[in-house]
PDB file of N, CA and C in Angstrom:
ATOM      1  N   MET A   1      -9.031   6.919 -14.870  1.00  0.00           N
ATOM      2  CA  MET A   1      -8.112   5.943 -15.418  1.00  0.00           C
ATOM      3  C   MET A   1      -8.118   4.717 -14.508  1.00  0.00           C
ATOM      4  N   PRO A   2      -8.154   3.524 -15.088  1.00  0.00           N
ATOM      5  CA  PRO A   2      -8.232   2.314 -14.282  1.00  0.00           C
ATOM      6  C   PRO A   2      -6.951   2.062 -13.475  1.00  0.00           C
ATOM      7  N   ALA A   3      -7.112   1.270 -12.430  1.00  0.00           N
ATOM      8  CA  ALA A   3      -5.985   0.919 -11.573  1.00  0.00           C
ATOM      9  C   ALA A   3      -5.133  -0.148 -12.249  1.00  0.00           C
ATOM     10  N   SER A   4      -3.864  -0.158 -11.906  1.00  0.00           N
ATOM     11  CA  SER A   4      -2.961  -1.180 -12.424  1.00  0.00           C
ATOM     12  C   SER A   4      -3.256  -2.527 -11.759  1.00  0.00           C
ATOM     13  N   LYS A   5      -2.790  -3.579 -12.368  1.00  0.00           N
ATOM     14  CA  LYS A   5      -2.960  -4.919 -11.811  1.00  0.00           C
ATOM     15  C   LYS A   5      -2.300  -4.996 -10.434  1.00  0.00           C
ATOM     16  N   VAL A   6      -1.141  -4.385 -10.285  1.00  0.00           N
ATOM     17  CA  VAL A   6      -0.408  -4.403  -9.022  1.00  0.00           C
ATOM     18  C   VAL A   6      -1.223  -3.710  -7.923  1.00  0.00           C
ATOM     19  N   LEU A   7      -1.807  -2.568  -8.244  1.00  0.00           N
ATOM     20  CA  LEU A   7      -2.605  -1.848  -7.254  1.00  0.00           C
ATOM     21  C   LEU A   7      -3.863  -2.643  -6.906  1.00  0.00           C
ATOM     22  N   LYS A   8      -4.486  -3.258  -7.881  1.00  0.00           N
ATOM     23  CA  LYS A   8      -5.667  -4.084  -7.612  1.00  0.00           C
ATOM     24  C   LYS A   8      -5.322  -5.246  -6.686  1.00  0.00           C
ATOM     25  N   GLU A   9      -4.167  -5.867  -6.912  1.00  0.00           N
ATOM     26  CA  GLU A   9      -3.737  -6.968  -6.056  1.00  0.00           C
ATOM     27  C   GLU A   9      -3.462  -6.473  -4.630  1.00  0.00           C
ATOM     28  N   PHE A  10      -2.869  -5.286  -4.505  1.00  0.00           N
ATOM     29  CA  PHE A  10      -2.594  -4.728  -3.178  1.00  0.00           C
ATOM     30  C   PHE A  10      -3.894  -4.433  -2.438  1.00  0.00           C
ATOM     31  N   VAL A  11      -4.876  -3.883  -3.127  1.00  0.00           N
ATOM     32  CA  VAL A  11      -6.167  -3.594  -2.508  1.00  0.00           C
ATOM     33  C   VAL A  11      -6.848  -4.906  -2.101  1.00  0.00           C
ATOM     34  N   ALA A  12      -6.772  -5.930  -2.939  1.00  0.00           N
ATOM     35  CA  ALA A  12      -7.371  -7.221  -2.599  1.00  0.00           C
ATOM     36  C   ALA A  12      -6.700  -7.815  -1.362  1.00  0.00           C
ATOM     37  N   GLU A  13      -5.385  -7.716  -1.285  1.00  0.00           N
ATOM     38  CA  GLU A  13      -4.649  -8.198  -0.112  1.00  0.00           C
ATOM     39  C   GLU A  13      -5.059  -7.402   1.127  1.00  0.00           C
ATOM     40  N   ASN A  14      -5.170  -6.100   0.981  1.00  0.00           N
ATOM     41  CA  ASN A  14      -5.581  -5.252   2.096  1.00  0.00           C
ATOM     42  C   ASN A  14      -7.007  -5.609   2.538  1.00  0.00           C
ATOM     43  N   ASN A  15      -7.892  -5.877   1.579  1.00  0.00           N
ATOM     44  CA  ASN A  15      -9.265  -6.242   1.913  1.00  0.00           C
ATOM     45  C   ASN A  15      -9.322  -7.551   2.706  1.00  0.00           C
ATOM     46  N   ARG A  16      -8.464  -8.510   2.364  1.00  0.00           N
ATOM     47  CA  ARG A  16      -8.430  -9.758   3.122  1.00  0.00           C
ATOM     48  C   ARG A  16      -7.999  -9.482   4.566  1.00  0.00           C
ATOM     49  N   TRP A  17      -7.054  -8.577   4.732  1.00  0.00           N
ATOM     50  CA  TRP A  17      -6.553  -8.245   6.065  1.00  0.00           C
ATOM     51  C   TRP A  17      -7.619  -7.506   6.884  1.00  0.00           C
ATOM     52  N   ILE A  18      -8.255  -6.502   6.313  1.00  0.00           N
ATOM     53  CA  ILE A  18      -9.221  -5.719   7.089  1.00  0.00           C
ATOM     54  C   ILE A  18     -10.513  -6.488   7.338  1.00  0.00           C
ATOM     55  N   ALA A  19     -10.789  -7.520   6.536  1.00  0.00           N
ATOM     56  CA  ALA A  19     -11.978  -8.347   6.760  1.00  0.00           C
ATOM     57  C   ALA A  19     -11.890  -9.057   8.105  1.00  0.00           C
ATOM     58  N   ILE A  20     -10.683  -9.349   8.552  1.00  0.00           N
ATOM     59  CA  ILE A  20     -10.489  -9.994   9.851  1.00  0.00           C
ATOM     60  C   ILE A  20     -11.087  -9.132  10.960  1.00  0.00           C
ATOM     61  N   PHE A  21     -11.007  -7.815  10.780  1.00  0.00           N
ATOM     62  CA  PHE A  21     -11.486  -6.878  11.784  1.00  0.00           C
ATOM     63  C   PHE A  21     -12.907  -6.385  11.510  1.00  0.00           C
ATOM     64  N   GLY A  22     -13.550  -6.973  10.499  1.00  0.00           N
ATOM     65  CA  GLY A  22     -14.930  -6.621  10.193  1.00  0.00           C
ATOM     66  C   GLY A  22     -15.097  -5.309   9.441  1.00  0.00           C
ATOM     67  N   SER A  23     -14.026  -4.797   8.855  1.00  0.00           N
ATOM     68  CA  SER A  23     -14.109  -3.540   8.099  1.00  0.00           C
ATOM     69  C   SER A  23     -14.657  -3.791   6.701  1.00  0.00           C
ATOM     70  N   GLU A  24     -15.292  -2.767   6.152  1.00  0.00           N
ATOM     71  CA  GLU A  24     -15.815  -2.839   4.792  1.00  0.00           C
ATOM     72  C   GLU A  24     -14.658  -2.894   3.789  1.00  0.00           C
ATOM     73  N   PRO A  25     -14.791  -3.686   2.729  1.00  0.00           N
ATOM     74  CA  PRO A  25     -13.729  -3.754   1.730  1.00  0.00           C
ATOM     75  C   PRO A  25     -13.630  -2.454   0.919  1.00  0.00           C
ATOM     76  N   MET A  26     -12.446  -2.190   0.436  1.00  0.00           N
ATOM     77  CA  MET A  26     -12.215  -1.044  -0.454  1.00  0.00           C
ATOM     78  C   MET A  26     -12.593  -1.459  -1.871  1.00  0.00           C
ATOM     79  N   THR A  27     -13.196  -0.548  -2.610  1.00  0.00           N
ATOM     80  CA  THR A  27     -13.592  -0.824  -3.983  1.00  0.00           C
ATOM     81  C   THR A  27     -13.079   0.283  -4.894  1.00  0.00           C
ATOM     82  N   PHE A  28     -13.017  -0.048  -6.167  1.00  0.00           N
ATOM     83  CA  PHE A  28     -12.620   0.949  -7.176  1.00  0.00           C
ATOM     84  C   PHE A  28     -13.857   1.574  -7.767  1.00  0.00           C
ATOM     85  N   PRO A  29     -13.818   2.846  -8.090  1.00  0.00           N
ATOM     86  CA  PRO A  29     -12.688   3.756  -7.896  1.00  0.00           C
ATOM     87  C   PRO A  29     -12.478   4.039  -6.413  1.00  0.00           C
ATOM     88  N   LEU A  30     -11.212   4.170  -6.040  1.00  0.00           N
ATOM     89  CA  LEU A  30     -10.865   4.429  -4.650  1.00  0.00           C
ATOM     90  C   LEU A  30     -11.348   5.811  -4.221  1.00  0.00           C
ATOM     91  N   SER A  31     -11.812   5.890  -2.994  1.00  0.00           N
ATOM     92  CA  SER A  31     -12.152   7.187  -2.405  1.00  0.00           C
ATOM     93  C   SER A  31     -10.870   7.817  -1.861  1.00  0.00           C
ATOM     94  N   GLN A  32     -10.945   9.073  -1.505  1.00  0.00           N
ATOM     95  CA  GLN A  32      -9.790   9.735  -0.897  1.00  0.00           C
ATOM     96  C   GLN A  32      -9.423   9.032   0.411  1.00  0.00           C
ATOM     97  N   HIS A  33     -10.439   8.665   1.184  1.00  0.00           N
ATOM     98  CA  HIS A  33     -10.198   7.975   2.450  1.00  0.00           C
ATOM     99  C   HIS A  33      -9.449   6.661   2.226  1.00  0.00           C
ATOM    100  N   SER A  34      -9.880   5.885   1.222  1.00  0.00           N
ATOM    101  CA  SER A  34      -9.222   4.604   0.922  1.00  0.00           C
ATOM    102  C   SER A  34      -7.773   4.821   0.488  1.00  0.00           C
ATOM    103  N   ALA A  35      -7.544   5.809  -0.360  1.00  0.00           N
ATOM    104  CA  ALA A  35      -6.176   6.102  -0.801  1.00  0.00           C
ATOM    105  C   ALA A  35      -5.295   6.478   0.395  1.00  0.00           C
ATOM    106  N   ASN A  36      -5.849   7.274   1.291  1.00  0.00           N
ATOM    107  CA  ASN A  36      -5.090   7.665   2.487  1.00  0.00           C
ATOM    108  C   ASN A  36      -4.781   6.452   3.355  1.00  0.00           C
ATOM    109  N   GLU A  37      -5.765   5.588   3.545  1.00  0.00           N
ATOM    110  CA  GLU A  37      -5.567   4.386   4.364  1.00  0.00           C
ATOM    111  C   GLU A  37      -4.518   3.461   3.744  1.00  0.00           C
ATOM    112  N   LEU A  38      -4.558   3.304   2.434  1.00  0.00           N
ATOM    113  CA  LEU A  38      -3.571   2.462   1.762  1.00  0.00           C
ATOM    114  C   LEU A  38      -2.163   3.029   1.922  1.00  0.00           C
ATOM    115  N   MET A  39      -2.042   4.346   1.801  1.00  0.00           N
ATOM    116  CA  MET A  39      -0.712   4.952   1.952  1.00  0.00           C
ATOM    117  C   MET A  39      -0.222   4.813   3.393  1.00  0.00           C
ATOM    118  N   ASN A  40      -1.129   4.924   4.347  1.00  0.00           N
ATOM    119  CA  ASN A  40      -0.735   4.717   5.742  1.00  0.00           C
ATOM    120  C   ASN A  40      -0.245   3.290   5.966  1.00  0.00           C
ATOM    121  N   ARG A  41      -0.887   2.335   5.334  1.00  0.00           N
ATOM    122  CA  ARG A  41      -0.443   0.942   5.459  1.00  0.00           C
ATOM    123  C   ARG A  41       0.942   0.777   4.852  1.00  0.00           C
ATOM    124  N   LEU A  42       1.157   1.370   3.690  1.00  0.00           N
ATOM    125  CA  LEU A  42       2.474   1.277   3.066  1.00  0.00           C
ATOM    126  C   LEU A  42       3.544   1.903   3.954  1.00  0.00           C
ATOM    127  N   ALA A  43       3.238   3.044   4.561  1.00  0.00           N
ATOM    128  CA  ALA A  43       4.201   3.697   5.459  1.00  0.00           C
ATOM    129  C   ALA A  43       4.520   2.784   6.641  1.00  0.00           C
ATOM    130  N   ALA A  44       3.505   2.142   7.187  1.00  0.00           N
ATOM    131  CA  ALA A  44       3.740   1.220   8.302  1.00  0.00           C
ATOM    132  C   ALA A  44       4.585   0.031   7.854  1.00  0.00           C
ATOM    133  N   ASP A  45       4.290  -0.498   6.671  1.00  0.00           N
ATOM    134  CA  ASP A  45       5.060  -1.635   6.156  1.00  0.00           C
ATOM    135  C   ASP A  45       6.517  -1.263   5.881  1.00  0.00           C
ATOM    136  N   LEU A  46       6.772   0.016   5.608  1.00  0.00           N
ATOM    137  CA  LEU A  46       8.130   0.477   5.330  1.00  0.00           C
ATOM    138  C   LEU A  46       8.905   0.873   6.594  1.00  0.00           C
ATOM    139  N   SER A  47       8.258   0.817   7.750  1.00  0.00           N
ATOM    140  CA  SER A  47       8.984   1.126   8.979  1.00  0.00           C
ATOM    141  C   SER A  47      10.071   0.064   9.165  1.00  0.00           C
ATOM    142  N   PRO A  48      11.211   0.446   9.731  1.00  0.00           N
ATOM    143  CA  PRO A  48      12.330  -0.499   9.831  1.00  0.00           C
ATOM    144  C   PRO A  48      11.986  -1.843  10.475  1.00  0.00           C
ATOM    145  N   GLU A  49      11.227  -1.830  11.572  1.00  0.00           N
ATOM    146  CA  GLU A  49      10.924  -3.094  12.237  1.00  0.00           C
ATOM    147  C   GLU A  49      10.028  -3.985  11.396  1.00  0.00           C
ATOM    148  N   ASN A  50       9.092  -3.398  10.659  1.00  0.00           N
ATOM    149  CA  ASN A  50       8.242  -4.196   9.770  1.00  0.00           C
ATOM    150  C   ASN A  50       8.982  -4.606   8.504  1.00  0.00           C
ATOM    151  N   LEU A  51       9.749  -3.697   7.961  1.00  0.00           N
ATOM    152  CA  LEU A  51      10.487  -3.988   6.730  1.00  0.00           C
ATOM    153  C   LEU A  51      11.450  -5.154   6.933  1.00  0.00           C
ATOM    154  N   HIS A  52      12.092  -5.194   8.073  1.00  0.00           N
ATOM    155  CA  HIS A  52      13.088  -6.223   8.369  1.00  0.00           C
ATOM    156  C   HIS A  52      12.510  -7.383   9.174  1.00  0.00           C
ATOM    157  N   CYS A  53      11.171  -7.384   9.350  1.00  0.00           N
ATOM    158  CA  CYS A  53      10.490  -8.452  10.102  1.00  0.00           C
ATOM    159  C   CYS A  53      11.194  -8.699  11.430  1.00  0.00           C
ATOM    160  N   ASP A  54      11.463  -7.594  12.148  1.00  0.00           N
ATOM    161  CA  ASP A  54      12.135  -7.638  13.453  1.00  0.00           C
ATOM    162  C   ASP A  54      13.443  -8.439  13.391  1.00  0.00           C
ATOM    163  N   GLY A  55      14.162  -8.312  12.280  1.00  0.00           N
ATOM    164  CA  GLY A  55      15.461  -8.967  12.133  1.00  0.00           C
ATOM    165  C   GLY A  55      15.384 -10.425  11.722  1.00  0.00           C
ATOM    166  N   GLU A  56      14.203 -10.897  11.356  1.00  0.00           N
ATOM    167  CA  GLU A  56      14.011 -12.302  11.014  1.00  0.00           C
ATOM    168  C   GLU A  56      14.299 -12.627   9.543  1.00  0.00           C
ATOM    169  N   ILE A  57      14.538 -11.599   8.729  1.00  0.00           N
ATOM    170  CA  ILE A  57      14.863 -11.851   7.319  1.00  0.00           C
ATOM    171  C   ILE A  57      16.237 -11.267   7.014  1.00  0.00           C
ATOM    172  N   THR A  58      16.810 -11.713   5.923  1.00  0.00           N
ATOM    173  CA  THR A  58      18.145 -11.249   5.537  1.00  0.00           C
ATOM    174  C   THR A  58      18.048  -9.833   4.967  1.00  0.00           C
ATOM    175  N   PRO A  59      19.171  -9.107   4.950  1.00  0.00           N
ATOM    176  CA  PRO A  59      19.166  -7.787   4.322  1.00  0.00           C
ATOM    177  C   PRO A  59      18.710  -7.848   2.855  1.00  0.00           C
ATOM    178  N   ARG A  60      19.073  -8.895   2.154  1.00  0.00           N
ATOM    179  CA  ARG A  60      18.669  -9.038   0.753  1.00  0.00           C
ATOM    180  C   ARG A  60      17.148  -9.182   0.638  1.00  0.00           C
ATOM    181  N   GLN A  61      16.547  -9.957   1.524  1.00  0.00           N
ATOM    182  CA  GLN A  61      15.098 -10.116   1.518  1.00  0.00           C
ATOM    183  C   GLN A  61      14.406  -8.794   1.864  1.00  0.00           C
ATOM    184  N   ALA A  62      14.978  -8.063   2.817  1.00  0.00           N
ATOM    185  CA  ALA A  62      14.410  -6.772   3.204  1.00  0.00           C
ATOM    186  C   ALA A  62      14.477  -5.790   2.037  1.00  0.00           C
ATOM    187  N   LYS A  63      15.579  -5.823   1.296  1.00  0.00           N
ATOM    188  CA  LYS A  63      15.711  -4.918   0.143  1.00  0.00           C
ATOM    189  C   LYS A  63      14.668  -5.252  -0.918  1.00  0.00           C
ATOM    190  N   ALA A  64      14.465  -6.537  -1.182  1.00  0.00           N
ATOM    191  CA  ALA A  64      13.457  -6.949  -2.176  1.00  0.00           C
ATOM    192  C   ALA A  64      12.060  -6.517  -1.717  1.00  0.00           C
ATOM    193  N   LYS A  65      11.793  -6.661  -0.437  1.00  0.00           N
ATOM    194  CA  LYS A  65      10.507  -6.233   0.120  1.00  0.00           C
ATOM    195  C   LYS A  65      10.343  -4.720  -0.034  1.00  0.00           C
ATOM    196  N   ALA A  66      11.407  -3.977   0.242  1.00  0.00           N
ATOM    197  CA  ALA A  66      11.354  -2.511   0.130  1.00  0.00           C
ATOM    198  C   ALA A  66      11.097  -2.076  -1.308  1.00  0.00           C
ATOM    199  N   VAL A  67      11.752  -2.703  -2.260  1.00  0.00           N
ATOM    200  CA  VAL A  67      11.561  -2.353  -3.674  1.00  0.00           C
ATOM    201  C   VAL A  67      10.091  -2.533  -4.055  1.00  0.00           C
ATOM    202  N   LYS A  68       9.505  -3.651  -3.634  1.00  0.00           N
ATOM    203  CA  LYS A  68       8.090  -3.923  -3.935  1.00  0.00           C
ATOM    204  C   LYS A  68       7.192  -2.860  -3.305  1.00  0.00           C
ATOM    205  N   LEU A  69       7.472  -2.502  -2.055  1.00  0.00           N
ATOM    206  CA  LEU A  69       6.648  -1.507  -1.368  1.00  0.00           C
ATOM    207  C   LEU A  69       6.804  -0.119  -1.981  1.00  0.00           C
ATOM    208  N   TYR A  70       8.029   0.273  -2.344  1.00  0.00           N
ATOM    209  CA  TYR A  70       8.245   1.573  -2.986  1.00  0.00           C
ATOM    210  C   TYR A  70       7.535   1.628  -4.340  1.00  0.00           C
ATOM    211  N   ASP A  71       7.548   0.511  -5.065  1.00  0.00           N
ATOM    212  CA  ASP A  71       6.808   0.460  -6.332  1.00  0.00           C
ATOM    213  C   ASP A  71       5.317   0.675  -6.087  1.00  0.00           C
ATOM    214  N   MET A  72       4.801   0.105  -4.999  1.00  0.00           N
ATOM    215  CA  MET A  72       3.388   0.263  -4.683  1.00  0.00           C
ATOM    216  C   MET A  72       3.079   1.704  -4.304  1.00  0.00           C
ATOM    217  N   VAL A  73       3.982   2.361  -3.581  1.00  0.00           N
ATOM    218  CA  VAL A  73       3.796   3.784  -3.266  1.00  0.00           C
ATOM    219  C   VAL A  73       3.672   4.576  -4.563  1.00  0.00           C
ATOM    220  N   ASN A  74       4.566   4.303  -5.511  1.00  0.00           N
ATOM    221  CA  ASN A  74       4.521   4.999  -6.799  1.00  0.00           C
ATOM    222  C   ASN A  74       3.234   4.707  -7.564  1.00  0.00           C
ATOM    223  N   GLU A  75       2.778   3.455  -7.532  1.00  0.00           N
ATOM    224  CA  GLU A  75       1.522   3.075  -8.202  1.00  0.00           C
ATOM    225  C   GLU A  75       0.337   3.842  -7.601  1.00  0.00           C
ATOM    226  N   LEU A  76       0.306   3.916  -6.271  1.00  0.00           N
ATOM    227  CA  LEU A  76      -0.800   4.606  -5.607  1.00  0.00           C
ATOM    228  C   LEU A  76      -0.750   6.108  -5.885  1.00  0.00           C
ATOM    229  N   GLU A  77       0.444   6.680  -5.864  1.00  0.00           N
ATOM    230  CA  GLU A  77       0.578   8.103  -6.191  1.00  0.00           C
ATOM    231  C   GLU A  77       0.083   8.382  -7.603  1.00  0.00           C
ATOM    232  N   GLN A  78       0.469   7.523  -8.550  1.00  0.00           N
ATOM    233  CA  GLN A  78       0.036   7.713  -9.937  1.00  0.00           C
ATOM    234  C   GLN A  78      -1.465   7.551 -10.073  1.00  0.00           C
ATOM    235  N   TYR A  79      -2.041   6.578  -9.374  1.00  0.00           N
ATOM    236  CA  TYR A  79      -3.490   6.395  -9.389  1.00  0.00           C
ATOM    237  C   TYR A  79      -4.183   7.665  -8.904  1.00  0.00           C
ATOM    238  N   CYS A  80      -3.684   8.226  -7.817  1.00  0.00           N
ATOM    239  CA  CYS A  80      -4.290   9.448  -7.270  1.00  0.00           C
ATOM    240  C   CYS A  80      -4.211  10.596  -8.273  1.00  0.00           C
ATOM    241  N   LEU A  81      -3.067  10.758  -8.894  1.00  0.00           N
ATOM    242  CA  LEU A  81      -2.911  11.828  -9.891  1.00  0.00           C
ATOM    243  C   LEU A  81      -3.859  11.625 -11.072  1.00  0.00           C
ATOM    244  N   ASN A  82      -3.993  10.391 -11.511  1.00  0.00           N
ATOM    245  CA  ASN A  82      -4.834  10.093 -12.673  1.00  0.00           C
ATOM    246  C   ASN A  82      -6.321  10.187 -12.372  1.00  0.00           C
ATOM    247  N   ASN A  83      -6.677  10.126 -11.084  1.00  0.00           N
ATOM    248  CA  ASN A  83      -8.088  10.088 -10.710  1.00  0.00           C
ATOM    249  C   ASN A  83      -8.508  11.278  -9.861  1.00  0.00           C
ATOM    250  N   TRP A  84      -7.760  12.342  -9.943  1.00  0.00           N
ATOM    251  CA  TRP A  84      -8.101  13.610  -9.302  1.00  0.00           C
ATOM    252  C   TRP A  84      -8.281  13.496  -7.789  1.00  0.00           C
ATOM    253  N   LEU A  85      -7.431  12.677  -7.165  1.00  0.00           N
ATOM    254  CA  LEU A  85      -7.411  12.588  -5.715  1.00  0.00           C
ATOM    255  C   LEU A  85      -6.188  13.317  -5.202  1.00  0.00           C
ATOM    256  N   ASP A  86      -6.269  13.846  -4.002  1.00  0.00           N
ATOM    257  CA  ASP A  86      -5.078  14.409  -3.380  1.00  0.00           C
ATOM    258  C   ASP A  86      -4.116  13.259  -3.130  1.00  0.00           C
ATOM    259  N   THR A  87      -2.862  13.454  -3.469  1.00  0.00           N
ATOM    260  CA  THR A  87      -1.883  12.401  -3.297  1.00  0.00           C
ATOM    261  C   THR A  87      -1.403  12.366  -1.851  1.00  0.00           C
ATOM    262  N   PRO A  88      -1.708  11.273  -1.128  1.00  0.00           N
ATOM    263  CA  PRO A  88      -1.271  11.206   0.253  1.00  0.00           C
ATOM    264  C   PRO A  88       0.252  11.038   0.319  1.00  0.00           C
ATOM    265  N   VAL A  89       0.802  11.499   1.426  1.00  0.00           N
ATOM    266  CA  VAL A  89       2.249  11.416   1.632  1.00  0.00           C
ATOM    267  C   VAL A  89       2.564  10.145   2.395  1.00  0.00           C
ATOM    268  N   CYS A  90       3.564   9.440   1.939  1.00  0.00           N
ATOM    269  CA  CYS A  90       4.014   8.238   2.623  1.00  0.00           C
ATOM    270  C   CYS A  90       5.161   8.622   3.534  1.00  0.00           C
ATOM    271  N   SER A  91       4.904   8.665   4.821  1.00  0.00           N
ATOM    272  CA  SER A  91       5.900   9.088   5.807  1.00  0.00           C
ATOM    273  C   SER A  91       6.663   7.886   6.345  1.00  0.00           C
ATOM    274  N   TYR A  92       7.545   7.340   5.527  1.00  0.00           N
ATOM    275  CA  TYR A  92       8.333   6.184   5.967  1.00  0.00           C
ATOM    276  C   TYR A  92       9.682   6.613   6.430  1.00  0.00           C
TER     277      TYR A  92
END
């Protein structure tokens, strides 16, 4: 089953970030390794210090950021289920 537009945008954003470090871009269909790496990134983004940008954003902005990230966790979980991948756990 194809990836959602939101998941494709997240992978594209992640690819721009990892290109800085010379890493190979992720492509669809996602491998198990790529799905795991994406979930690890989401978990890191959901950590309190990252979620709140070290206190530099308002609680309302942090909540909006969290909603977007939780939606992405759900999108990635659904992608894994639809594509016979083990669903990685987001330890936030």
